[in-house]
Amino acid sequence: IALLLLYFILAAQFESLKLPLIVLAEVPIDIFGIFLFLKIFGASINLMSMIGIVVVSGIIINDSILKIDTINKLRDDGIGLVRAIIIAGQRRLNPILMTSLTTILALVPFLFMKGMGADLQKPLAISVIGGMLLGTLVSLYVVPLFYYYLERKNKKGTQGKLTLPYQKHT
């Protein structure tokens, strides 16, 4: 139900029925990465790891939404598809990496803690770290690729036009 509600909110925000699918396609990829990391580290799927899935999904989806929104704004300014994807990637790279690195580095100490409370927090840390590692790569590379393949069929008339990002358009 939450993913369906998210789809409707994104459809209203992007004014498109196709663009939210790019963002939502990232969720299964991230969940796969989380389960893979849990398996590698020998942790179980429990309530804490499920909370980690929710946390990672929120952060990674936010990164993808901002990247797609930046691409859309550049396209509305008359910049071609490929150039808009490149510029949006340059503009969003630093914030995405900073968000991911701070989250990952904040949870690394939980992997090495000992004690009763540490056993409870370890699956959460593993799921968030694993999801953020894979989700960051997906946000940086796969989301723009999905956007390109989806939008190249829907040419907006400025496909071949290469302009500088701060150049005024007439």
N, C-alpha and C. Protein backbone atom coordinates (compact mmCIF):
# COMPACT_ATOMS: atom_id res chain seq x y z
N ILE A 1 0.84 -1.19 0.00
CA ILE A 1 0.00 0.00 0.00
C ILE A 1 0.88 1.25 0.00
N ALA A 2 1.98 1.20 0.77
CA ALA A 2 2.87 2.36 0.84
C ALA A 2 3.48 2.67 -0.52
N LEU A 3 3.88 1.63 -1.26
CA LEU A 3 4.46 1.86 -2.59
C LEU A 3 3.43 2.41 -3.56
N LEU A 4 2.19 1.96 -3.44
CA LEU A 4 1.12 2.47 -4.29
C LEU A 4 0.85 3.95 -4.00
N LEU A 5 0.81 4.30 -2.73
CA LEU A 5 0.63 5.71 -2.36
C LEU A 5 1.80 6.56 -2.83
N LEU A 6 3.01 6.02 -2.70
CA LEU A 6 4.19 6.73 -3.18
C LEU A 6 4.12 6.94 -4.69
N TYR A 7 3.65 5.93 -5.40
CA TYR A 7 3.50 6.06 -6.85
C TYR A 7 2.57 7.21 -7.20
N PHE A 8 1.43 7.29 -6.53
CA PHE A 8 0.46 8.34 -6.83
C PHE A 8 1.00 9.73 -6.49
N ILE A 9 1.72 9.83 -5.40
CA ILE A 9 2.32 11.12 -5.03
C ILE A 9 3.36 11.53 -6.06
N LEU A 10 4.20 10.58 -6.47
CA LEU A 10 5.23 10.89 -7.48
C LEU A 10 4.61 11.20 -8.84
N ALA A 11 3.53 10.50 -9.18
CA ALA A 11 2.85 10.78 -10.45
C ALA A 11 2.32 12.20 -10.46
N ALA A 12 1.81 12.66 -9.34
CA ALA A 12 1.32 14.04 -9.26
C ALA A 12 2.49 15.03 -9.29
N GLN A 13 3.59 14.70 -8.63
CA GLN A 13 4.73 15.60 -8.60
C GLN A 13 5.39 15.72 -9.97
N PHE A 14 5.61 14.59 -10.63
CA PHE A 14 6.28 14.61 -11.93
C PHE A 14 5.33 14.86 -13.08
N GLU A 15 4.03 14.83 -12.81
CA GLU A 15 3.00 14.97 -13.84
C GLU A 15 3.21 13.95 -14.96
N SER A 16 3.51 12.74 -14.55
CA SER A 16 3.79 11.65 -15.48
C SER A 16 3.43 10.34 -14.81
N LEU A 17 2.97 9.39 -15.59
CA LEU A 17 2.69 8.07 -15.05
C LEU A 17 3.88 7.13 -15.19
N LYS A 18 4.87 7.52 -16.03
CA LYS A 18 6.02 6.66 -16.27
C LYS A 18 7.21 6.96 -15.36
N LEU A 19 7.46 8.23 -15.07
CA LEU A 19 8.64 8.59 -14.28
C LEU A 19 8.64 8.00 -12.87
N PRO A 20 7.49 7.89 -12.18
CA PRO A 20 7.53 7.26 -10.86
C PRO A 20 7.99 5.81 -10.90
N LEU A 21 7.79 5.15 -12.03
CA LEU A 21 8.23 3.76 -12.15
C LEU A 21 9.74 3.64 -12.06
N ILE A 22 10.46 4.67 -12.52
CA ILE A 22 11.93 4.66 -12.41
C ILE A 22 12.34 4.65 -10.95
N VAL A 23 11.71 5.50 -10.17
CA VAL A 23 12.04 5.60 -8.75
C VAL A 23 11.64 4.31 -8.03
N LEU A 24 10.46 3.80 -8.30
CA LEU A 24 9.98 2.61 -7.62
C LEU A 24 10.72 1.35 -8.06
N ALA A 25 11.31 1.35 -9.25
CA ALA A 25 12.11 0.19 -9.70
C ALA A 25 13.36 0.03 -8.85
N GLU A 26 13.75 1.09 -8.19
CA GLU A 26 14.95 1.04 -7.35
C GLU A 26 14.72 0.27 -6.05
N VAL A 27 13.52 0.23 -5.56
CA VAL A 27 13.22 -0.42 -4.28
C VAL A 27 13.55 -1.92 -4.31
N PRO A 28 13.11 -2.70 -5.31
CA PRO A 28 13.47 -4.12 -5.30
C PRO A 28 14.98 -4.36 -5.42
N ILE A 29 15.66 -3.50 -6.16
CA ILE A 29 17.12 -3.63 -6.29
C ILE A 29 17.78 -3.41 -4.93
N ASP A 30 17.32 -2.39 -4.21
CA ASP A 30 17.87 -2.10 -2.88
C ASP A 30 17.57 -3.22 -1.89
N ILE A 31 16.37 -3.76 -1.95
CA ILE A 31 16.02 -4.85 -1.04
C ILE A 31 16.88 -6.08 -1.33
N PHE A 32 17.15 -6.35 -2.60
CA PHE A 32 18.05 -7.44 -2.96
C PHE A 32 19.42 -7.22 -2.34
N GLY A 33 19.94 -5.99 -2.43
CA GLY A 33 21.24 -5.68 -1.84
C GLY A 33 21.25 -5.86 -0.33
N ILE A 34 20.16 -5.48 0.31
CA ILE A 34 20.06 -5.65 1.76
C ILE A 34 20.07 -7.13 2.13
N PHE A 35 19.28 -7.93 1.43
CA PHE A 35 19.24 -9.36 1.74
C PHE A 35 20.60 -10.02 1.46
N LEU A 36 21.27 -9.55 0.42
CA LEU A 36 22.60 -10.08 0.11
C LEU A 36 23.60 -9.78 1.23
N PHE A 37 23.59 -8.56 1.72
CA PHE A 37 24.49 -8.19 2.82
C PHE A 37 24.14 -8.94 4.10
N LEU A 38 22.87 -9.12 4.39
CA LEU A 38 22.47 -9.88 5.56
C LEU A 38 22.97 -11.32 5.46
N LYS A 39 22.88 -11.89 4.27
CA LYS A 39 23.37 -13.26 4.04
C LYS A 39 24.88 -13.34 4.20
N ILE A 40 25.60 -12.37 3.63
CA ILE A 40 27.07 -12.37 3.70
C ILE A 40 27.54 -12.28 5.16
N PHE A 41 26.89 -11.43 5.95
CA PHE A 41 27.31 -11.22 7.33
C PHE A 41 26.66 -12.21 8.31
N GLY A 42 25.83 -13.10 7.80
CA GLY A 42 25.21 -14.11 8.65
C GLY A 42 24.15 -13.57 9.58
N ALA A 43 23.57 -12.45 9.25
CA ALA A 43 22.52 -11.86 10.09
C ALA A 43 21.16 -12.35 9.61
N SER A 44 20.20 -12.28 10.50
CA SER A 44 18.86 -12.75 10.16
C SER A 44 17.97 -11.60 9.72
N ILE A 45 16.88 -11.99 9.08
CA ILE A 45 15.86 -11.01 8.73
C ILE A 45 14.91 -10.93 9.92
N ASN A 46 14.96 -9.82 10.61
CA ASN A 46 14.12 -9.64 11.79
C ASN A 46 13.54 -8.23 11.77
N LEU A 47 12.93 -7.84 12.86
CA LEU A 47 12.28 -6.53 12.91
C LEU A 47 13.28 -5.39 12.68
N MET A 48 14.47 -5.50 13.25
CA MET A 48 15.46 -4.44 13.10
C MET A 48 15.95 -4.33 11.65
N SER A 49 16.17 -5.46 10.99
CA SER A 49 16.59 -5.39 9.59
C SER A 49 15.46 -4.86 8.70
N MET A 50 14.22 -5.14 9.08
CA MET A 50 13.09 -4.59 8.32
C MET A 50 12.99 -3.08 8.51
N ILE A 51 13.29 -2.60 9.70
CA ILE A 51 13.34 -1.15 9.92
C ILE A 51 14.44 -0.54 9.05
N GLY A 52 15.56 -1.24 8.93
CA GLY A 52 16.64 -0.79 8.05
C GLY A 52 16.19 -0.69 6.60
N ILE A 53 15.36 -1.62 6.16
CA ILE A 53 14.84 -1.57 4.79
C ILE A 53 14.00 -0.31 4.58
N VAL A 54 13.17 0.02 5.54
CA VAL A 54 12.34 1.21 5.44
C VAL A 54 13.21 2.47 5.41
N VAL A 55 14.21 2.52 6.27
CA VAL A 55 15.10 3.68 6.33
C VAL A 55 15.84 3.86 5.00
N VAL A 56 16.42 2.78 4.50
CA VAL A 56 17.18 2.85 3.25
C VAL A 56 16.27 3.23 2.09
N SER A 57 15.09 2.66 2.05
CA SER A 57 14.17 2.98 0.95
C SER A 57 13.84 4.46 0.94
N GLY A 58 13.62 5.04 2.10
CA GLY A 58 13.31 6.47 2.17
C GLY A 58 14.46 7.34 1.70
N ILE A 59 15.67 7.03 2.12
CA ILE A 59 16.82 7.85 1.76
C ILE A 59 17.13 7.72 0.27
N ILE A 60 17.16 6.50 -0.22
CA ILE A 60 17.54 6.27 -1.61
C ILE A 60 16.46 6.79 -2.57
N ILE A 61 15.20 6.61 -2.21
CA ILE A 61 14.13 7.13 -3.06
C ILE A 61 14.22 8.65 -3.13
N ASN A 62 14.53 9.29 -2.01
CA ASN A 62 14.69 10.75 -2.00
C ASN A 62 15.80 11.18 -2.95
N ASP A 63 16.93 10.48 -2.93
CA ASP A 63 18.04 10.81 -3.84
C ASP A 63 17.59 10.70 -5.30
N SER A 64 16.87 9.65 -5.62
CA SER A 64 16.42 9.45 -7.00
C SER A 64 15.39 10.49 -7.42
N ILE A 65 14.50 10.84 -6.50
CA ILE A 65 13.49 11.87 -6.82
C ILE A 65 14.18 13.19 -7.13
N LEU A 66 15.14 13.57 -6.31
CA LEU A 66 15.84 14.83 -6.54
C LEU A 66 16.61 14.81 -7.85
N LYS A 67 17.20 13.67 -8.20
CA LYS A 67 17.95 13.59 -9.45
C LYS A 67 17.01 13.71 -10.66
N ILE A 68 15.90 13.01 -10.62
CA ILE A 68 14.94 13.08 -11.72
C ILE A 68 14.34 14.48 -11.81
N ASP A 69 14.06 15.09 -10.69
CA ASP A 69 13.52 16.45 -10.68
C ASP A 69 14.52 17.43 -11.28
N THR A 70 15.79 17.27 -10.97
CA THR A 70 16.82 18.14 -11.55
C THR A 70 16.90 17.95 -13.06
N ILE A 71 16.84 16.71 -13.51
CA ILE A 71 16.86 16.44 -14.96
C ILE A 71 15.64 17.08 -15.63
N ASN A 72 14.47 16.95 -15.03
CA ASN A 72 13.26 17.53 -15.60
C ASN A 72 13.35 19.06 -15.70
N LYS A 73 13.88 19.69 -14.66
CA LYS A 73 14.02 21.15 -14.69
C LYS A 73 14.99 21.58 -15.78
N LEU A 74 16.07 20.85 -15.95
CA LEU A 74 17.02 21.18 -17.03
C LEU A 74 16.39 20.96 -18.40
N ARG A 75 15.59 19.92 -18.54
CA ARG A 75 14.91 19.68 -19.81
C ARG A 75 13.90 20.78 -20.10
N ASP A 76 13.22 21.26 -19.07
CA ASP A 76 12.26 22.36 -19.25
C ASP A 76 12.96 23.65 -19.66
N ASP A 77 14.23 23.79 -19.28
CA ASP A 77 15.02 24.97 -19.67
C ASP A 77 15.54 24.85 -21.10
N GLY A 78 15.25 23.75 -21.77
CA GLY A 78 15.64 23.60 -23.17
C GLY A 78 16.92 22.83 -23.39
N ILE A 79 17.44 22.21 -22.37
CA ILE A 79 18.67 21.44 -22.52
C ILE A 79 18.32 20.04 -23.01
N GLY A 80 19.12 19.50 -23.89
CA GLY A 80 18.88 18.18 -24.47
C GLY A 80 18.94 17.09 -23.42
N LEU A 81 18.43 15.92 -23.80
CA LEU A 81 18.30 14.81 -22.87
C LEU A 81 19.63 14.37 -22.28
N VAL A 82 20.58 14.06 -23.11
CA VAL A 82 21.87 13.56 -22.62
C VAL A 82 22.59 14.62 -21.81
N ARG A 83 22.59 15.83 -22.30
CA ARG A 83 23.26 16.93 -21.57
C ARG A 83 22.59 17.18 -20.22
N ALA A 84 21.26 17.11 -20.16
CA ALA A 84 20.54 17.31 -18.90
C ALA A 84 20.89 16.21 -17.90
N ILE A 85 21.02 14.98 -18.37
CA ILE A 85 21.38 13.88 -17.48
C ILE A 85 22.79 14.07 -16.94
N ILE A 86 23.71 14.51 -17.78
CA ILE A 86 25.09 14.73 -17.34
C ILE A 86 25.16 15.87 -16.33
N ILE A 87 24.50 16.98 -16.63
CA ILE A 87 24.53 18.13 -15.71
C ILE A 87 23.87 17.78 -14.38
N ALA A 88 22.73 17.09 -14.43
CA ALA A 88 22.05 16.69 -13.19
C ALA A 88 22.93 15.74 -12.39
N GLY A 89 23.64 14.86 -13.07
CA GLY A 89 24.56 13.97 -12.38
C GLY A 89 25.67 14.73 -11.67
N GLN A 90 26.18 15.75 -12.33
CA GLN A 90 27.23 16.56 -11.70
C GLN A 90 26.68 17.35 -10.51
N ARG A 91 25.49 17.88 -10.64
CA ARG A 91 24.91 18.69 -9.57
C ARG A 91 24.50 17.84 -8.36
N ARG A 92 24.03 16.65 -8.58
CA ARG A 92 23.51 15.82 -7.49
C ARG A 92 24.55 14.84 -6.93
N LEU A 93 25.72 14.73 -7.56
CA LEU A 93 26.73 13.77 -7.11
C LEU A 93 27.17 14.03 -5.68
N ASN A 94 27.55 15.25 -5.37
CA ASN A 94 28.04 15.58 -4.04
C ASN A 94 26.98 15.35 -2.95
N PRO A 95 25.76 15.85 -3.10
CA PRO A 95 24.76 15.59 -2.05
C PRO A 95 24.44 14.10 -1.85
N ILE A 96 24.37 13.35 -2.95
CA ILE A 96 24.07 11.92 -2.83
C ILE A 96 25.20 11.20 -2.10
N LEU A 97 26.44 11.47 -2.50
CA LEU A 97 27.58 10.82 -1.84
C LEU A 97 27.70 11.22 -0.38
N MET A 98 27.47 12.49 -0.07
CA MET A 98 27.57 12.94 1.31
C MET A 98 26.49 12.28 2.19
N THR A 99 25.29 12.19 1.68
CA THR A 99 24.22 11.54 2.43
C THR A 99 24.56 10.07 2.69
N SER A 100 25.00 9.39 1.66
CA SER A 100 25.31 7.97 1.79
C SER A 100 26.50 7.72 2.71
N LEU A 101 27.56 8.48 2.52
CA LEU A 101 28.76 8.26 3.34
C LEU A 101 28.51 8.58 4.81
N THR A 102 27.79 9.64 5.11
CA THR A 102 27.53 9.94 6.52
C THR A 102 26.67 8.87 7.17
N THR A 103 25.70 8.36 6.44
CA THR A 103 24.85 7.30 6.98
C THR A 103 25.66 6.02 7.21
N ILE A 104 26.44 5.64 6.20
CA ILE A 104 27.24 4.41 6.30
C ILE A 104 28.28 4.53 7.42
N LEU A 105 29.02 5.62 7.45
CA LEU A 105 30.07 5.78 8.45
C LEU A 105 29.51 5.89 9.86
N ALA A 106 28.32 6.42 10.00
CA ALA A 106 27.71 6.51 11.33
C ALA A 106 27.32 5.13 11.87
N LEU A 107 27.05 4.18 10.98
CA LEU A 107 26.61 2.85 11.41
C LEU A 107 27.73 1.82 11.47
N VAL A 108 28.89 2.11 10.92
CA VAL A 108 30.00 1.16 10.94
C VAL A 108 30.39 0.73 12.36
N PRO A 109 30.43 1.62 13.35
CA PRO A 109 30.78 1.15 14.71
C PRO A 109 29.85 0.07 15.26
N PHE A 110 28.60 0.06 14.83
CA PHE A 110 27.66 -0.95 15.31
C PHE A 110 28.04 -2.36 14.86
N LEU A 111 28.82 -2.46 13.78
CA LEU A 111 29.25 -3.77 13.30
C LEU A 111 30.28 -4.41 14.21
N PHE A 112 31.00 -3.60 14.99
CA PHE A 112 32.10 -4.10 15.81
C PHE A 112 31.80 -4.09 17.31
N MET A 113 30.60 -3.69 17.68
CA MET A 113 30.24 -3.63 19.10
C MET A 113 29.92 -5.04 19.61
N LYS A 114 30.14 -5.22 20.89
CA LYS A 114 29.82 -6.49 21.54
C LYS A 114 28.81 -6.23 22.64
N GLY A 115 28.05 -7.24 22.97
CA GLY A 115 27.09 -7.11 24.05
C GLY A 115 25.68 -7.41 23.59
N MET A 116 24.76 -7.38 24.55
CA MET A 116 23.38 -7.74 24.27
C MET A 116 22.71 -6.71 23.35
N GLY A 117 22.92 -5.44 23.58
CA GLY A 117 22.32 -4.41 22.74
C GLY A 117 22.89 -4.39 21.34
N ALA A 118 24.17 -4.75 21.23
CA ALA A 118 24.82 -4.76 19.92
C ALA A 118 24.23 -5.84 19.01
N ASP A 119 23.86 -6.98 19.60
CA ASP A 119 23.25 -8.05 18.81
C ASP A 119 21.91 -7.61 18.23
N LEU A 120 21.24 -6.73 18.94
CA LEU A 120 19.96 -6.22 18.47
C LEU A 120 20.15 -5.20 17.35
N GLN A 121 21.18 -4.36 17.43
CA GLN A 121 21.40 -3.28 16.48
C GLN A 121 22.16 -3.72 15.22
N LYS A 122 22.90 -4.83 15.30
CA LYS A 122 23.73 -5.25 14.17
C LYS A 122 22.93 -5.50 12.88
N PRO A 123 21.79 -6.20 12.91
CA PRO A 123 21.03 -6.38 11.66
C PRO A 123 20.56 -5.06 11.05
N LEU A 124 20.22 -4.11 11.90
CA LEU A 124 19.82 -2.78 11.39
C LEU A 124 20.99 -2.13 10.67
N ALA A 125 22.16 -2.15 11.30
CA ALA A 125 23.34 -1.53 10.70
C ALA A 125 23.72 -2.23 9.39
N ILE A 126 23.69 -3.54 9.37
CA ILE A 126 24.05 -4.29 8.16
C ILE A 126 23.06 -3.98 7.04
N SER A 127 21.79 -3.95 7.34
CA SER A 127 20.80 -3.70 6.29
C SER A 127 20.91 -2.28 5.75
N VAL A 128 21.14 -1.31 6.61
CA VAL A 128 21.26 0.07 6.13
C VAL A 128 22.55 0.25 5.34
N ILE A 129 23.66 -0.28 5.82
CA ILE A 129 24.93 -0.14 5.10
C ILE A 129 24.85 -0.83 3.74
N GLY A 130 24.37 -2.06 3.70
CA GLY A 130 24.25 -2.78 2.43
C GLY A 130 23.32 -2.09 1.46
N GLY A 131 22.18 -1.65 1.96
CA GLY A 131 21.23 -0.95 1.09
C GLY A 131 21.75 0.37 0.58
N MET A 132 22.48 1.10 1.43
CA MET A 132 23.03 2.40 1.01
C MET A 132 24.15 2.21 -0.02
N LEU A 133 24.97 1.20 0.16
CA LEU A 133 26.05 0.97 -0.81
C LEU A 133 25.49 0.69 -2.20
N LEU A 134 24.57 -0.25 -2.27
CA LEU A 134 23.98 -0.59 -3.57
C LEU A 134 23.05 0.52 -4.06
N GLY A 135 22.26 1.08 -3.16
CA GLY A 135 21.31 2.12 -3.55
C GLY A 135 21.97 3.37 -4.08
N THR A 136 23.13 3.70 -3.53
CA THR A 136 23.87 4.86 -4.03
C THR A 136 24.32 4.64 -5.47
N LEU A 137 24.83 3.46 -5.75
CA LEU A 137 25.24 3.15 -7.13
C LEU A 137 24.04 3.17 -8.07
N VAL A 138 22.93 2.67 -7.60
CA VAL A 138 21.72 2.67 -8.43
C VAL A 138 21.25 4.10 -8.69
N SER A 139 21.26 4.93 -7.65
CA SER A 139 20.84 6.33 -7.81
C SER A 139 21.75 7.09 -8.77
N LEU A 140 23.04 6.80 -8.71
CA LEU A 140 23.99 7.53 -9.54
C LEU A 140 24.03 7.06 -10.99
N TYR A 141 23.84 5.76 -11.21
CA TYR A 141 24.04 5.22 -12.56
C TYR A 141 22.79 4.62 -13.19
N VAL A 142 22.04 3.83 -12.45
CA VAL A 142 20.92 3.11 -13.04
C VAL A 142 19.71 4.01 -13.26
N VAL A 143 19.41 4.88 -12.30
CA VAL A 143 18.26 5.78 -12.45
C VAL A 143 18.41 6.68 -13.69
N PRO A 144 19.58 7.32 -13.91
CA PRO A 144 19.72 8.11 -15.15
C PRO A 144 19.62 7.26 -16.41
N LEU A 145 20.09 6.02 -16.33
CA LEU A 145 20.00 5.12 -17.48
C LEU A 145 18.54 4.78 -17.79
N PHE A 146 17.77 4.45 -16.75
CA PHE A 146 16.34 4.20 -16.93
C PHE A 146 15.65 5.44 -17.50
N TYR A 147 16.00 6.61 -16.98
CA TYR A 147 15.40 7.86 -17.45
C TYR A 147 15.71 8.05 -18.94
N TYR A 148 16.95 7.81 -19.32
CA TYR A 148 17.35 7.98 -20.71
C TYR A 148 16.53 7.06 -21.62
N TYR A 149 16.44 5.79 -21.26
CA TYR A 149 15.73 4.85 -22.13
C TYR A 149 14.23 5.14 -22.18
N LEU A 150 13.69 5.66 -21.08
CA LEU A 150 12.27 6.00 -21.07
C LEU A 150 11.99 7.26 -21.87
N GLU A 151 12.84 8.27 -21.74
CA GLU A 151 12.59 9.56 -22.36
C GLU A 151 13.10 9.68 -23.80
N ARG A 152 13.99 8.83 -24.22
CA ARG A 152 14.46 8.96 -25.60
C ARG A 152 13.36 8.66 -26.60
N LYS A 153 12.38 7.88 -26.16
CA LYS A 153 11.22 7.61 -27.01
C LYS A 153 10.26 8.79 -27.02
N ASN A 154 10.26 9.58 -25.95
CA ASN A 154 9.37 10.74 -25.82
C ASN A 154 10.15 12.02 -26.06
N LYS A 155 10.77 12.14 -27.19
CA LYS A 155 11.61 13.32 -27.46
C LYS A 155 10.81 14.59 -27.25
N LYS A 156 11.41 15.52 -26.52
CA LYS A 156 10.74 16.78 -26.22
C LYS A 156 11.18 17.90 -27.16
N GLY A 157 11.78 17.56 -28.28
CA GLY A 157 12.14 18.58 -29.25
C GLY A 157 13.51 19.18 -29.05
N THR A 158 14.17 18.94 -27.95
CA THR A 158 15.49 19.53 -27.71
C THR A 158 16.54 18.44 -27.59
N GLN A 159 16.28 17.30 -28.22
CA GLN A 159 17.17 16.16 -28.10
C GLN A 159 18.58 16.47 -28.55
N GLY A 160 18.76 17.04 -29.71
CA GLY A 160 20.09 17.25 -30.24
C GLY A 160 20.72 18.57 -29.85
N LYS A 161 20.03 19.39 -29.13
CA LYS A 161 20.50 20.73 -28.80
C LYS A 161 21.39 20.70 -27.57
N LEU A 162 22.66 21.00 -27.74
CA LEU A 162 23.60 21.06 -26.63
C LEU A 162 23.81 22.50 -26.24
N THR A 163 23.51 22.80 -24.97
CA THR A 163 23.71 24.16 -24.47
C THR A 163 24.46 24.09 -23.15
N LEU A 164 25.05 25.19 -22.80
CA LEU A 164 25.71 25.27 -21.52
C LEU A 164 24.66 25.36 -20.42
N PRO A 165 24.96 24.87 -19.21
CA PRO A 165 23.94 24.82 -18.19
C PRO A 165 23.43 26.20 -17.76
N TYR A 166 24.23 27.24 -17.87
CA TYR A 166 23.81 28.55 -17.41
C TYR A 166 23.56 29.51 -18.57
N GLN A 167 23.51 28.99 -19.77
CA GLN A 167 23.27 29.81 -20.94
C GLN A 167 21.78 30.13 -21.03
N LYS A 168 21.46 31.39 -21.33
CA LYS A 168 20.07 31.80 -21.48
C LYS A 168 19.53 31.27 -22.80
N HIS A 169 18.30 30.86 -22.77
CA HIS A 169 17.66 30.32 -23.98
C HIS A 169 16.66 31.33 -24.51
N THR A 170 16.59 31.41 -25.82
CA THR A 170 15.64 32.34 -26.43
C THR A 170 14.55 31.59 -27.16
